[in-house]
Amino acid sequence: MAEGDVLERYRTEKGGDERREWRRVPVVFSVHCLRLGRRGIDTAVKVVDLSPGGIRLISPKQLDGGDVVELTFSVGDMRIPVRGLVVYTTTTDADERHAHVAFTGLGDAALKGLARLLDSAESGAA
């Protein structure tokens, strides 16, 4: 079975009020975040939730909508770089800034790593 098929279980049901293609899974881990094209962000950030289509993370204040980032996930002994576009940022009631990042151009290794991370989070291991 292809990894894309494995990720299908995270697809949302069509219809109703749901506008997202993929279901978000709450997670607790960090990724390395490097902003591309502009200097200033090259740091570890905490992840709030993850889906096959993107990620929500606790954002450094300098990260803005429209920024392109490279996020490096550690999955076992593998390091998987994934590019994404910051679609928008929000601020929580606790004055915590979140960046909502859509993944772009995921390769096979990234899809496999995402499947492992999502399955691990669903089983309570992440």
PDB file of N, CA and C in Angstrom:
ATOM      1  N   MET A   1       0.848  -1.182   0.000  1.00  0.00           N
ATOM      2  CA  MET A   1       0.000   0.000   0.000  1.00  0.00           C
ATOM      3  C   MET A   1       0.890   1.242   0.000  1.00  0.00           C
ATOM      4  N   ALA A   2       0.612   2.208  -0.848  1.00  0.00           N
ATOM      5  CA  ALA A   2       1.385   3.438  -0.935  1.00  0.00           C
ATOM      6  C   ALA A   2       1.117   4.315   0.275  1.00  0.00           C
ATOM      7  N   GLU A   3       2.118   5.151   0.634  1.00  0.00           N
ATOM      8  CA  GLU A   3       1.953   6.039   1.793  1.00  0.00           C
ATOM      9  C   GLU A   3       0.762   6.967   1.604  1.00  0.00           C
ATOM     10  N   GLY A   4       0.542   7.448   0.377  1.00  0.00           N
ATOM     11  CA  GLY A   4      -0.609   8.308   0.122  1.00  0.00           C
ATOM     12  C   GLY A   4      -1.907   7.622   0.527  1.00  0.00           C
ATOM     13  N   ASP A   5      -2.005   6.306   0.280  1.00  0.00           N
ATOM     14  CA  ASP A   5      -3.179   5.541   0.675  1.00  0.00           C
ATOM     15  C   ASP A   5      -3.289   5.467   2.202  1.00  0.00           C
ATOM     16  N   VAL A   6      -2.149   5.326   2.881  1.00  0.00           N
ATOM     17  CA  VAL A   6      -2.133   5.272   4.337  1.00  0.00           C
ATOM     18  C   VAL A   6      -2.672   6.578   4.911  1.00  0.00           C
ATOM     19  N   LEU A   7      -2.330   7.698   4.289  1.00  0.00           N
ATOM     20  CA  LEU A   7      -2.769   9.003   4.774  1.00  0.00           C
ATOM     21  C   LEU A   7      -4.246   9.265   4.508  1.00  0.00           C
ATOM     22  N   GLU A   8      -4.880   8.485   3.655  1.00  0.00           N
ATOM     23  CA  GLU A   8      -6.292   8.698   3.313  1.00  0.00           C
ATOM     24  C   GLU A   8      -7.194   8.661   4.537  1.00  0.00           C
ATOM     25  N   ARG A   9      -6.829   7.923   5.577  1.00  0.00           N
ATOM     26  CA  ARG A   9      -7.675   7.850   6.771  1.00  0.00           C
ATOM     27  C   ARG A   9      -7.752   9.195   7.498  1.00  0.00           C
ATOM     28  N   TYR A  10      -6.868  10.120   7.141  1.00  0.00           N
ATOM     29  CA  TYR A  10      -6.872  11.457   7.758  1.00  0.00           C
ATOM     30  C   TYR A  10      -7.661  12.477   6.929  1.00  0.00           C
ATOM     31  N   ARG A  11      -8.225  12.038   5.810  1.00  0.00           N
ATOM     32  CA  ARG A  11      -9.032  12.931   4.977  1.00  0.00           C
ATOM     33  C   ARG A  11     -10.369  13.184   5.672  1.00  0.00           C
ATOM     34  N   THR A  12     -10.873  14.413   5.605  1.00  0.00           N
ATOM     35  CA  THR A  12     -12.142  14.739   6.252  1.00  0.00           C
ATOM     36  C   THR A  12     -13.306  14.300   5.379  1.00  0.00           C
ATOM     37  N   GLU A  13     -14.460  14.165   6.011  1.00  0.00           N
ATOM     38  CA  GLU A  13     -15.684  13.823   5.292  1.00  0.00           C
ATOM     39  C   GLU A  13     -16.142  15.023   4.475  1.00  0.00           C
ATOM     40  N   LYS A  14     -16.612  14.784   3.286  1.00  0.00           N
ATOM     41  CA  LYS A  14     -17.139  15.859   2.443  1.00  0.00           C
ATOM     42  C   LYS A  14     -18.510  16.294   2.953  1.00  0.00           C
ATOM     43  N   GLY A  15     -18.812  17.561   2.749  1.00  0.00           N
ATOM     44  CA  GLY A  15     -20.118  18.078   3.152  1.00  0.00           C
ATOM     45  C   GLY A  15     -20.082  18.704   4.530  1.00  0.00           C
ATOM     46  N   GLY A  16     -21.205  19.241   4.949  1.00  0.00           N
ATOM     47  CA  GLY A  16     -21.294  19.888   6.249  1.00  0.00           C
ATOM     48  C   GLY A  16     -20.500  21.188   6.264  1.00  0.00           C
ATOM     49  N   ASP A  17     -20.054  21.563   7.454  1.00  0.00           N
ATOM     50  CA  ASP A  17     -19.316  22.813   7.625  1.00  0.00           C
ATOM     51  C   ASP A  17     -17.810  22.636   7.469  1.00  0.00           C
ATOM     52  N   GLU A  18     -17.346  21.405   7.326  1.00  0.00           N
ATOM     53  CA  GLU A  18     -15.905  21.151   7.249  1.00  0.00           C
ATOM     54  C   GLU A  18     -15.341  21.681   5.934  1.00  0.00           C
ATOM     55  N   ARG A  19     -14.342  22.553   6.041  1.00  0.00           N
ATOM     56  CA  ARG A  19     -13.724  23.103   4.841  1.00  0.00           C
ATOM     57  C   ARG A  19     -12.305  22.583   4.642  1.00  0.00           C
ATOM     58  N   ARG A  20     -11.774  21.890   5.634  1.00  0.00           N
ATOM     59  CA  ARG A  20     -10.422  21.357   5.520  1.00  0.00           C
ATOM     60  C   ARG A  20     -10.441  20.014   4.802  1.00  0.00           C
ATOM     61  N   GLU A  21      -9.410  19.787   4.012  1.00  0.00           N
ATOM     62  CA  GLU A  21      -9.294  18.506   3.318  1.00  0.00           C
ATOM     63  C   GLU A  21      -8.811  17.403   4.263  1.00  0.00           C
ATOM     64  N   TRP A  22      -7.957  17.783   5.226  1.00  0.00           N
ATOM     65  CA  TRP A  22      -7.342  16.811   6.122  1.00  0.00           C
ATOM     66  C   TRP A  22      -7.691  17.101   7.579  1.00  0.00           C
ATOM     67  N   ARG A  23      -7.873  16.047   8.352  1.00  0.00           N
ATOM     68  CA  ARG A  23      -8.140  16.150   9.780  1.00  0.00           C
ATOM     69  C   ARG A  23      -6.853  16.494  10.524  1.00  0.00           C
ATOM     70  N   ARG A  24      -6.934  17.434  11.446  1.00  0.00           N
ATOM     71  CA  ARG A  24      -5.783  17.806  12.270  1.00  0.00           C
ATOM     72  C   ARG A  24      -5.649  16.841  13.437  1.00  0.00           C
ATOM     73  N   VAL A  25      -4.405  16.508  13.769  1.00  0.00           N
ATOM     74  CA  VAL A  25      -4.124  15.625  14.900  1.00  0.00           C
ATOM     75  C   VAL A  25      -3.278  16.412  15.905  1.00  0.00           C
ATOM     76  N   PRO A  26      -3.762  16.552  17.152  1.00  0.00           N
ATOM     77  CA  PRO A  26      -2.960  17.245  18.165  1.00  0.00           C
ATOM     78  C   PRO A  26      -1.654  16.484  18.423  1.00  0.00           C
ATOM     79  N   VAL A  27      -0.549  17.208  18.508  1.00  0.00           N
ATOM     80  CA  VAL A  27       0.762  16.591  18.746  1.00  0.00           C
ATOM     81  C   VAL A  27       1.552  17.452  19.724  1.00  0.00           C
ATOM     82  N   VAL A  28       2.593  16.857  20.288  1.00  0.00           N
ATOM     83  CA  VAL A  28       3.501  17.582  21.168  1.00  0.00           C
ATOM     84  C   VAL A  28       4.919  17.155  20.804  1.00  0.00           C
ATOM     85  N   PHE A  29       5.567  17.925  19.950  1.00  0.00           N
ATOM     86  CA  PHE A  29       6.969  17.724  19.614  1.00  0.00           C
ATOM     87  C   PHE A  29       7.470  19.003  18.968  1.00  0.00           C
ATOM     88  N   SER A  30       8.765  19.053  18.695  1.00  0.00           N
ATOM     89  CA  SER A  30       9.354  20.235  18.067  1.00  0.00           C
ATOM     90  C   SER A  30       9.912  19.889  16.699  1.00  0.00           C
ATOM     91  N   VAL A  31       9.982  20.905  15.844  1.00  0.00           N
ATOM     92  CA  VAL A  31      10.643  20.796  14.543  1.00  0.00           C
ATOM     93  C   VAL A  31      11.597  21.973  14.417  1.00  0.00           C
ATOM     94  N   HIS A  32      12.563  21.833  13.532  1.00  0.00           N
ATOM     95  CA  HIS A  32      13.451  22.950  13.259  1.00  0.00           C
ATOM     96  C   HIS A  32      12.823  23.786  12.153  1.00  0.00           C
ATOM     97  N   CYS A  33      12.782  25.100  12.340  1.00  0.00           N
ATOM     98  CA  CYS A  33      12.148  26.018  11.393  1.00  0.00           C
ATOM     99  C   CYS A  33      13.195  26.985  10.839  1.00  0.00           C
ATOM    100  N   LEU A  34      13.331  27.000   9.522  1.00  0.00           N
ATOM    101  CA  LEU A  34      14.224  27.919   8.831  1.00  0.00           C
ATOM    102  C   LEU A  34      13.398  28.714   7.828  1.00  0.00           C
ATOM    103  N   ARG A  35      13.375  30.038   7.981  1.00  0.00           N
ATOM    104  CA  ARG A  35      12.660  30.873   7.006  1.00  0.00           C
ATOM    105  C   ARG A  35      13.561  31.043   5.797  1.00  0.00           C
ATOM    106  N   LEU A  36      13.012  30.806   4.615  1.00  0.00           N
ATOM    107  CA  LEU A  36      13.776  30.914   3.377  1.00  0.00           C
ATOM    108  C   LEU A  36      13.540  32.289   2.748  1.00  0.00           C
ATOM    109  N   GLY A  37      14.578  32.849   2.148  1.00  0.00           N
ATOM    110  CA  GLY A  37      14.431  34.112   1.430  1.00  0.00           C
ATOM    111  C   GLY A  37      14.642  35.344   2.279  1.00  0.00           C
ATOM    112  N   ARG A  38      14.427  35.245   3.568  1.00  0.00           N
ATOM    113  CA  ARG A  38      14.684  36.357   4.489  1.00  0.00           C
ATOM    114  C   ARG A  38      15.395  35.790   5.701  1.00  0.00           C
ATOM    115  N   ARG A  39      16.263  36.553   6.279  1.00  0.00           N
ATOM    116  CA  ARG A  39      16.993  36.097   7.463  1.00  0.00           C
ATOM    117  C   ARG A  39      16.150  36.253   8.723  1.00  0.00           C
ATOM    118  N   GLY A  40      16.650  35.695   9.801  1.00  0.00           N
ATOM    119  CA  GLY A  40      16.056  35.983  11.090  1.00  0.00           C
ATOM    120  C   GLY A  40      15.431  34.822  11.815  1.00  0.00           C
ATOM    121  N   ILE A  41      15.051  33.749  11.113  1.00  0.00           N
ATOM    122  CA  ILE A  41      14.451  32.614  11.812  1.00  0.00           C
ATOM    123  C   ILE A  41      15.196  31.344  11.427  1.00  0.00           C
ATOM    124  N   ASP A  42      15.824  30.744  12.425  1.00  0.00           N
ATOM    125  CA  ASP A  42      16.565  29.500  12.265  1.00  0.00           C
ATOM    126  C   ASP A  42      16.590  28.874  13.659  1.00  0.00           C
ATOM    127  N   THR A  43      15.463  28.242  14.046  1.00  0.00           N
ATOM    128  CA  THR A  43      15.285  27.829  15.436  1.00  0.00           C
ATOM    129  C   THR A  43      14.334  26.637  15.552  1.00  0.00           C
ATOM    130  N   ALA A  44      14.332  26.008  16.714  1.00  0.00           N
ATOM    131  CA  ALA A  44      13.359  24.949  17.002  1.00  0.00           C
ATOM    132  C   ALA A  44      12.046  25.600  17.438  1.00  0.00           C
ATOM    133  N   VAL A  45      10.929  25.032  16.983  1.00  0.00           N
ATOM    134  CA  VAL A  45       9.604  25.525  17.355  1.00  0.00           C
ATOM    135  C   VAL A  45       8.735  24.343  17.771  1.00  0.00           C
ATOM    136  N   LYS A  46       7.765  24.610  18.658  1.00  0.00           N
ATOM    137  CA  LYS A  46       6.841  23.571  19.121  1.00  0.00           C
ATOM    138  C   LYS A  46       5.665  23.460  18.157  1.00  0.00           C
ATOM    139  N   VAL A  47       5.246  22.221  17.915  1.00  0.00           N
ATOM    140  CA  VAL A  47       4.126  21.937  17.017  1.00  0.00           C
ATOM    141  C   VAL A  47       2.867  21.737  17.845  1.00  0.00           C
ATOM    142  N   VAL A  48       1.756  22.324  17.383  1.00  0.00           N
ATOM    143  CA  VAL A  48       0.468  22.231  18.065  1.00  0.00           C
ATOM    144  C   VAL A  48      -0.382  21.119  17.456  1.00  0.00           C
ATOM    145  N   ASP A  49      -0.477  21.111  16.125  1.00  0.00           N
ATOM    146  CA  ASP A  49      -1.193  20.026  15.448  1.00  0.00           C
ATOM    147  C   ASP A  49      -0.604  19.808  14.065  1.00  0.00           C
ATOM    148  N   LEU A  50      -0.959  18.649  13.494  1.00  0.00           N
ATOM    149  CA  LEU A  50      -0.362  18.194  12.248  1.00  0.00           C
ATOM    150  C   LEU A  50      -1.424  17.497  11.417  1.00  0.00           C
ATOM    151  N   SER A  51      -1.332  17.666  10.103  1.00  0.00           N
ATOM    152  CA  SER A  51      -2.176  16.921   9.167  1.00  0.00           C
ATOM    153  C   SER A  51      -1.337  16.638   7.930  1.00  0.00           C
ATOM    154  N   PRO A  52      -1.797  15.780   7.029  1.00  0.00           N
ATOM    155  CA  PRO A  52      -1.044  15.562   5.796  1.00  0.00           C
ATOM    156  C   PRO A  52      -0.916  16.822   4.941  1.00  0.00           C
ATOM    157  N   GLY A  53      -1.756  17.819   5.182  1.00  0.00           N
ATOM    158  CA  GLY A  53      -1.714  19.038   4.377  1.00  0.00           C
ATOM    159  C   GLY A  53      -0.948  20.183   4.998  1.00  0.00           C
ATOM    160  N   GLY A  54      -0.658  20.104   6.298  1.00  0.00           N
ATOM    161  CA  GLY A  54       0.031  21.219   6.923  1.00  0.00           C
ATOM    162  C   GLY A  54       0.235  21.032   8.404  1.00  0.00           C
ATOM    163  N   ILE A  55       0.647  22.131   9.033  1.00  0.00           N
ATOM    164  CA  ILE A  55       1.050  22.082  10.430  1.00  0.00           C
ATOM    165  C   ILE A  55       0.720  23.418  11.085  1.00  0.00           C
ATOM    166  N   ARG A  56       0.388  23.369  12.365  1.00  0.00           N
ATOM    167  CA  ARG A  56       0.233  24.605  13.144  1.00  0.00           C
ATOM    168  C   ARG A  56       1.299  24.564  14.224  1.00  0.00           C
ATOM    169  N   LEU A  57       2.065  25.646  14.311  1.00  0.00           N
ATOM    170  CA  LEU A  57       3.157  25.679  15.258  1.00  0.00           C
ATOM    171  C   LEU A  57       3.173  26.984  16.042  1.00  0.00           C
ATOM    172  N   ILE A  58       3.828  26.938  17.193  1.00  0.00           N
ATOM    173  CA  ILE A  58       4.015  28.153  17.977  1.00  0.00           C
ATOM    174  C   ILE A  58       5.105  28.940  17.271  1.00  0.00           C
ATOM    175  N   SER A  59       4.762  30.137  16.856  1.00  0.00           N
ATOM    176  CA  SER A  59       5.565  30.891  15.910  1.00  0.00           C
ATOM    177  C   SER A  59       6.441  31.947  16.553  1.00  0.00           C
ATOM    178  N   PRO A  60       7.671  32.060  16.054  1.00  0.00           N
ATOM    179  CA  PRO A  60       8.450  33.243  16.424  1.00  0.00           C
ATOM    180  C   PRO A  60       7.719  34.491  15.925  1.00  0.00           C
ATOM    181  N   LYS A  61       7.839  35.590  16.619  1.00  0.00           N
ATOM    182  CA  LYS A  61       7.102  36.807  16.271  1.00  0.00           C
ATOM    183  C   LYS A  61       7.415  37.322  14.865  1.00  0.00           C
ATOM    184  N   GLN A  62       8.613  37.040  14.347  1.00  0.00           N
ATOM    185  CA  GLN A  62       8.994  37.563  13.037  1.00  0.00           C
ATOM    186  C   GLN A  62       8.396  36.786  11.866  1.00  0.00           C
ATOM    187  N   LEU A  63       7.792  35.629  12.105  1.00  0.00           N
ATOM    188  CA  LEU A  63       7.234  34.822  11.028  1.00  0.00           C
ATOM    189  C   LEU A  63       5.888  35.393  10.613  1.00  0.00           C
ATOM    190  N   ASP A  64       5.711  35.619   9.310  1.00  0.00           N
ATOM    191  CA  ASP A  64       4.505  36.272   8.796  1.00  0.00           C
ATOM    192  C   ASP A  64       3.851  35.448   7.700  1.00  0.00           C
ATOM    193  N   GLY A  65       2.559  35.725   7.471  1.00  0.00           N
ATOM    194  CA  GLY A  65       1.865  35.130   6.336  1.00  0.00           C
ATOM    195  C   GLY A  65       2.631  35.437   5.058  1.00  0.00           C
ATOM    196  N   GLY A  66       2.749  34.440   4.182  1.00  0.00           N
ATOM    197  CA  GLY A  66       3.487  34.603   2.934  1.00  0.00           C
ATOM    198  C   GLY A  66       4.925  34.133   3.009  1.00  0.00           C
ATOM    199  N   ASP A  67       5.458  33.948   4.223  1.00  0.00           N
ATOM    200  CA  ASP A  67       6.829  33.447   4.362  1.00  0.00           C
ATOM    201  C   ASP A  67       6.897  31.985   3.914  1.00  0.00           C
ATOM    202  N   VAL A  68       8.027  31.625   3.318  1.00  0.00           N
ATOM    203  CA  VAL A  68       8.294  30.234   2.947  1.00  0.00           C
ATOM    204  C   VAL A  68       9.271  29.687   3.980  1.00  0.00           C
ATOM    205  N   VAL A  69       8.965  28.512   4.505  1.00  0.00           N
ATOM    206  CA  VAL A  69       9.799  27.912   5.546  1.00  0.00           C
ATOM    207  C   VAL A  69      10.199  26.494   5.158  1.00  0.00           C
ATOM    208  N   GLU A  70      11.325  26.068   5.724  1.00  0.00           N
ATOM    209  CA  GLU A  70      11.711  24.667   5.659  1.00  0.00           C
ATOM    210  C   GLU A  70      11.651  24.144   7.081  1.00  0.00           C
ATOM    211  N   LEU A  71      10.834  23.127   7.290  1.00  0.00           N
ATOM    212  CA  LEU A  71      10.665  22.501   8.596  1.00  0.00           C
ATOM    213  C   LEU A  71      11.349  21.147   8.555  1.00  0.00           C
ATOM    214  N   THR A  72      12.190  20.867   9.540  1.00  0.00           N
ATOM    215  CA  THR A  72      12.882  19.585   9.577  1.00  0.00           C
ATOM    216  C   THR A  72      12.321  18.749  10.716  1.00  0.00           C
ATOM    217  N   PHE A  73      11.703  17.637  10.340  1.00  0.00           N
ATOM    218  CA  PHE A  73      11.127  16.683  11.287  1.00  0.00           C
ATOM    219  C   PHE A  73      12.167  15.613  11.598  1.00  0.00           C
ATOM    220  N   SER A  74      12.188  15.149  12.835  1.00  0.00           N
ATOM    221  CA  SER A  74      12.994  13.989  13.203  1.00  0.00           C
ATOM    222  C   SER A  74      12.030  12.838  13.428  1.00  0.00           C
ATOM    223  N   VAL A  75      12.197  11.795  12.627  1.00  0.00           N
ATOM    224  CA  VAL A  75      11.360  10.599  12.738  1.00  0.00           C
ATOM    225  C   VAL A  75      12.295   9.420  12.920  1.00  0.00           C
ATOM    226  N   GLY A  76      12.371   8.924  14.153  1.00  0.00           N
ATOM    227  CA  GLY A  76      13.357   7.885  14.438  1.00  0.00           C
ATOM    228  C   GLY A  76      14.743   8.453  14.199  1.00  0.00           C
ATOM    229  N   ASP A  77      15.541   7.773  13.392  1.00  0.00           N
ATOM    230  CA  ASP A  77      16.881   8.272  13.076  1.00  0.00           C
ATOM    231  C   ASP A  77      16.916   9.079  11.777  1.00  0.00           C
ATOM    232  N   MET A  78      15.746   9.326  11.181  1.00  0.00           N
ATOM    233  CA  MET A  78      15.672  10.098   9.934  1.00  0.00           C
ATOM    234  C   MET A  78      15.387  11.567  10.223  1.00  0.00           C
ATOM    235  N   ARG A  79      15.961  12.434   9.414  1.00  0.00           N
ATOM    236  CA  ARG A  79      15.630  13.863   9.425  1.00  0.00           C
ATOM    237  C   ARG A  79      14.970  14.164   8.090  1.00  0.00           C
ATOM    238  N   ILE A  80      13.761  14.707   8.139  1.00  0.00           N
ATOM    239  CA  ILE A  80      12.978  14.928   6.928  1.00  0.00           C
ATOM    240  C   ILE A  80      12.687  16.420   6.771  1.00  0.00           C
ATOM    241  N   PRO A  81      13.300  17.060   5.759  1.00  0.00           N
ATOM    242  CA  PRO A  81      12.985  18.462   5.496  1.00  0.00           C
ATOM    243  C   PRO A  81      11.719  18.579   4.648  1.00  0.00           C
ATOM    244  N   VAL A  82      10.842  19.503   5.042  1.00  0.00           N
ATOM    245  CA  VAL A  82       9.582  19.729   4.337  1.00  0.00           C
ATOM    246  C   VAL A  82       9.422  21.231   4.144  1.00  0.00           C
ATOM    247  N   ARG A  83       9.089  21.647   2.939  1.00  0.00           N
ATOM    248  CA  ARG A  83       8.838  23.068   2.699  1.00  0.00           C
ATOM    249  C   ARG A  83       7.365  23.377   2.863  1.00  0.00           C
ATOM    250  N   GLY A  84       7.115  24.607   3.275  1.00  0.00           N
ATOM    251  CA  GLY A  84       5.736  25.029   3.452  1.00  0.00           C
ATOM    252  C   GLY A  84       5.596  26.534   3.310  1.00  0.00           C
ATOM    253  N   LEU A  85       4.361  26.956   3.151  1.00  0.00           N
ATOM    254  CA  LEU A  85       4.005  28.363   3.032  1.00  0.00           C
ATOM    255  C   LEU A  85       3.188  28.751   4.262  1.00  0.00           C
ATOM    256  N   VAL A  86       3.604  29.806   4.948  1.00  0.00           N
ATOM    257  CA  VAL A  86       2.820  30.315   6.072  1.00  0.00           C
ATOM    258  C   VAL A  86       1.584  30.988   5.475  1.00  0.00           C
ATOM    259  N   VAL A  87       0.433  30.370   5.675  1.00  0.00           N
ATOM    260  CA  VAL A  87      -0.808  30.882   5.102  1.00  0.00           C
ATOM    261  C   VAL A  87      -1.280  32.086   5.907  1.00  0.00           C
ATOM    262  N   TYR A  88      -1.249  31.969   7.239  1.00  0.00           N
ATOM    263  CA  TYR A  88      -1.601  33.087   8.107  1.00  0.00           C
ATOM    264  C   TYR A  88      -1.088  32.799   9.509  1.00  0.00           C
ATOM    265  N   THR A  89      -1.116  33.831  10.361  1.00  0.00           N
ATOM    266  CA  THR A  89      -0.759  33.675  11.767  1.00  0.00           C
ATOM    267  C   THR A  89      -1.929  34.151  12.621  1.00  0.00           C
ATOM    268  N   THR A  90      -2.022  33.592  13.827  1.00  0.00           N
ATOM    269  CA  THR A  90      -3.056  33.995  14.783  1.00  0.00           C
ATOM    270  C   THR A  90      -2.412  34.178  16.148  1.00  0.00           C
ATOM    271  N   THR A  91      -3.106  34.868  17.027  1.00  0.00           N
ATOM    272  CA  THR A  91      -2.656  35.025  18.409  1.00  0.00           C
ATOM    273  C   THR A  91      -3.743  34.470  19.319  1.00  0.00           C
ATOM    274  N   THR A  92      -3.346  33.617  20.251  1.00  0.00           N
ATOM    275  CA  THR A  92      -4.299  33.003  21.170  1.00  0.00           C
ATOM    276  C   THR A  92      -4.631  33.967  22.310  1.00  0.00           C
ATOM    277  N   ASP A  93      -5.620  33.601  23.111  1.00  0.00           N
ATOM    278  CA  ASP A  93      -5.979  34.400  24.288  1.00  0.00           C
ATOM    279  C   ASP A  93      -4.812  34.513  25.263  1.00  0.00           C
ATOM    280  N   ALA A  94      -3.919  33.526  25.247  1.00  0.00           N
ATOM    281  CA  ALA A  94      -2.752  33.536  26.133  1.00  0.00           C
ATOM    282  C   ALA A  94      -1.584  34.292  25.497  1.00  0.00           C
ATOM    283  N   ASP A  95      -1.865  35.063  24.445  1.00  0.00           N
ATOM    284  CA  ASP A  95      -0.861  35.867  23.739  1.00  0.00           C
ATOM    285  C   ASP A  95       0.239  35.006  23.124  1.00  0.00           C
ATOM    286  N   GLU A  96      -0.143  33.812  22.671  1.00  0.00           N
ATOM    287  CA  GLU A  96       0.779  32.909  22.000  1.00  0.00           C
ATOM    288  C   GLU A  96       0.508  33.000  20.502  1.00  0.00           C
ATOM    289  N   ARG A  97       1.540  33.191  19.717  1.00  0.00           N
ATOM    290  CA  ARG A  97       1.387  33.359  18.274  1.00  0.00           C
ATOM    291  C   ARG A  97       1.515  32.003  17.582  1.00  0.00           C
ATOM    292  N   HIS A  98       0.564  31.684  16.717  1.00  0.00           N
ATOM    293  CA  HIS A  98       0.583  30.435  15.959  1.00  0.00           C
ATOM    294  C   HIS A  98       0.730  30.742  14.477  1.00  0.00           C
ATOM    295  N   ALA A  99       1.536  29.933  13.799  1.00  0.00           N
ATOM    296  CA  ALA A  99       1.651  30.011  12.339  1.00  0.00           C
ATOM    297  C   ALA A  99       0.962  28.785  11.759  1.00  0.00           C
ATOM    298  N   HIS A 100       0.138  29.012  10.750  1.00  0.00           N
ATOM    299  CA  HIS A 100      -0.575  27.947  10.045  1.00  0.00           C
ATOM    300  C   HIS A 100       0.130  27.763   8.708  1.00  0.00           C
ATOM    301  N   VAL A 101       0.782  26.609   8.544  1.00  0.00           N
ATOM    302  CA  VAL A 101       1.669  26.366   7.407  1.00  0.00           C
ATOM    303  C   VAL A 101       1.089  25.267   6.530  1.00  0.00           C
ATOM    304  N   ALA A 102       0.971  25.546   5.223  1.00  0.00           N
ATOM    305  CA  ALA A 102       0.541  24.538   4.244  1.00  0.00           C
ATOM    306  C   ALA A 102       1.793  23.925   3.620  1.00  0.00           C
ATOM    307  N   PHE A 103       1.874  22.590   3.624  1.00  0.00           N
ATOM    308  CA  PHE A 103       3.010  21.914   3.012  1.00  0.00           C
ATOM    309  C   PHE A 103       2.972  22.100   1.497  1.00  0.00           C
ATOM    310  N   THR A 104       4.157  22.163   0.891  1.00  0.00           N
ATOM    311  CA  THR A 104       4.256  22.263  -0.563  1.00  0.00           C
ATOM    312  C   THR A 104       5.184  21.170  -1.077  1.00  0.00           C
ATOM    313  N   GLY A 105       4.782  20.486  -2.122  1.00  0.00           N
ATOM    314  CA  GLY A 105       5.634  19.506  -2.806  1.00  0.00           C
ATOM    315  C   GLY A 105       6.205  18.404  -1.940  1.00  0.00           C
ATOM    316  N   LEU A 106       5.358  17.677  -1.222  1.00  0.00           N
ATOM    317  CA  LEU A 106       5.846  16.587  -0.381  1.00  0.00           C
ATOM    318  C   LEU A 106       6.320  15.412  -1.224  1.00  0.00           C
ATOM    319  N   GLY A 107       7.528  14.939  -0.961  1.00  0.00           N
ATOM    320  CA  GLY A 107       8.055  13.761  -1.634  1.00  0.00           C
ATOM    321  C   GLY A 107       7.687  12.490  -0.875  1.00  0.00           C
ATOM    322  N   ASP A 108       8.116  11.359  -1.406  1.00  0.00           N
ATOM    323  CA  ASP A 108       7.789  10.066  -0.791  1.00  0.00           C
ATOM    324  C   ASP A 108       8.319   9.933   0.632  1.00  0.00           C
ATOM    325  N   ALA A 109       9.566  10.381   0.874  1.00  0.00           N
ATOM    326  CA  ALA A 109      10.147  10.271   2.218  1.00  0.00           C
ATOM    327  C   ALA A 109       9.348  11.114   3.208  1.00  0.00           C
ATOM    328  N   ALA A 110       8.941  12.310   2.787  1.00  0.00           N
ATOM    329  CA  ALA A 110       8.156  13.181   3.666  1.00  0.00           C
ATOM    330  C   ALA A 110       6.798  12.562   3.961  1.00  0.00           C
ATOM    331  N   LEU A 111       6.149  12.002   2.953  1.00  0.00           N
ATOM    332  CA  LEU A 111       4.848  11.357   3.160  1.00  0.00           C
ATOM    333  C   LEU A 111       4.966  10.180   4.123  1.00  0.00           C
ATOM    334  N   LYS A 112       6.011   9.400   3.959  1.00  0.00           N
ATOM    335  CA  LYS A 112       6.233   8.256   4.843  1.00  0.00           C
ATOM    336  C   LYS A 112       6.464   8.727   6.275  1.00  0.00           C
ATOM    337  N   GLY A 113       7.288   9.766   6.447  1.00  0.00           N
ATOM    338  CA  GLY A 113       7.549  10.313   7.772  1.00  0.00           C
ATOM    339  C   GLY A 113       6.301  10.892   8.413  1.00  0.00           C
ATOM    340  N   LEU A 114       5.491  11.617   7.619  1.00  0.00           N
ATOM    341  CA  LEU A 114       4.235  12.174   8.139  1.00  0.00           C
ATOM    342  C   LEU A 114       3.292  11.067   8.585  1.00  0.00           C
ATOM    343  N   ALA A 115       3.211  10.010   7.802  1.00  0.00           N
ATOM    344  CA  ALA A 115       2.349   8.886   8.172  1.00  0.00           C
ATOM    345  C   ALA A 115       2.795   8.305   9.514  1.00  0.00           C
ATOM    346  N   ARG A 116       4.104   8.152   9.714  1.00  0.00           N
ATOM    347  CA  ARG A 116       4.615   7.618  10.989  1.00  0.00           C
ATOM    348  C   ARG A 116       4.303   8.562  12.145  1.00  0.00           C
ATOM    349  N   LEU A 117       4.506   9.883  11.932  1.00  0.00           N
ATOM    350  CA  LEU A 117       4.227  10.854  12.990  1.00  0.00           C
ATOM    351  C   LEU A 117       2.740  10.885  13.354  1.00  0.00           C
ATOM    352  N   LEU A 118       1.882  10.895  12.341  1.00  0.00           N
ATOM    353  CA  LEU A 118       0.440  10.938  12.595  1.00  0.00           C
ATOM    354  C   LEU A 118      -0.035   9.677  13.298  1.00  0.00           C
ATOM    355  N   ASP A 119       0.429   8.526  12.841  1.00  0.00           N
ATOM    356  CA  ASP A 119       0.036   7.268  13.481  1.00  0.00           C
ATOM    357  C   ASP A 119       0.536   7.212  14.920  1.00  0.00           C
ATOM    358  N   SER A 120       1.747   7.704  15.151  1.00  0.00           N
ATOM    359  CA  SER A 120       2.301   7.732  16.499  1.00  0.00           C
ATOM    360  C   SER A 120       1.493   8.654  17.403  1.00  0.00           C
ATOM    361  N   ALA A 121       1.105   9.814  16.881  1.00  0.00           N
ATOM    362  CA  ALA A 121       0.303  10.759  17.673  1.00  0.00           C
ATOM    363  C   ALA A 121      -1.061  10.175  17.991  1.00  0.00           C
ATOM    364  N   GLU A 122      -1.665   9.516  17.029  1.00  0.00           N
ATOM    365  CA  GLU A 122      -2.988   8.918  17.258  1.00  0.00           C
ATOM    366  C   GLU A 122      -2.932   7.807  18.302  1.00  0.00           C
ATOM    367  N   SER A 123      -1.807   7.109  18.363  1.00  0.00           N
ATOM    368  CA  SER A 123      -1.686   6.022  19.344  1.00  0.00           C
ATOM    369  C   SER A 123      -1.208   6.537  20.697  1.00  0.00           C
ATOM    370  N   GLY A 124      -0.919   7.849  20.779  1.00  0.00           N
ATOM    371  CA  GLY A 124      -0.501   8.445  22.045  1.00  0.00           C
ATOM    372  C   GLY A 124       0.990   8.403  22.287  1.00  0.00           C
ATOM    373  N   ALA A 125       1.773   8.011  21.296  1.00  0.00           N
ATOM    374  CA  ALA A 125       3.219   7.899  21.484  1.00  0.00           C
ATOM    375  C   ALA A 125       3.966   9.188  21.143  1.00  0.00           C
ATOM    376  N   ALA A 126       3.330  10.140  20.447  1.00  0.00           N
ATOM    377  CA  ALA A 126       4.054  11.365  20.051  1.00  0.00           C
ATOM    378  C   ALA A 126       3.841  12.464  21.062  1.00  0.00           C
TER     379      ALA A 126
END
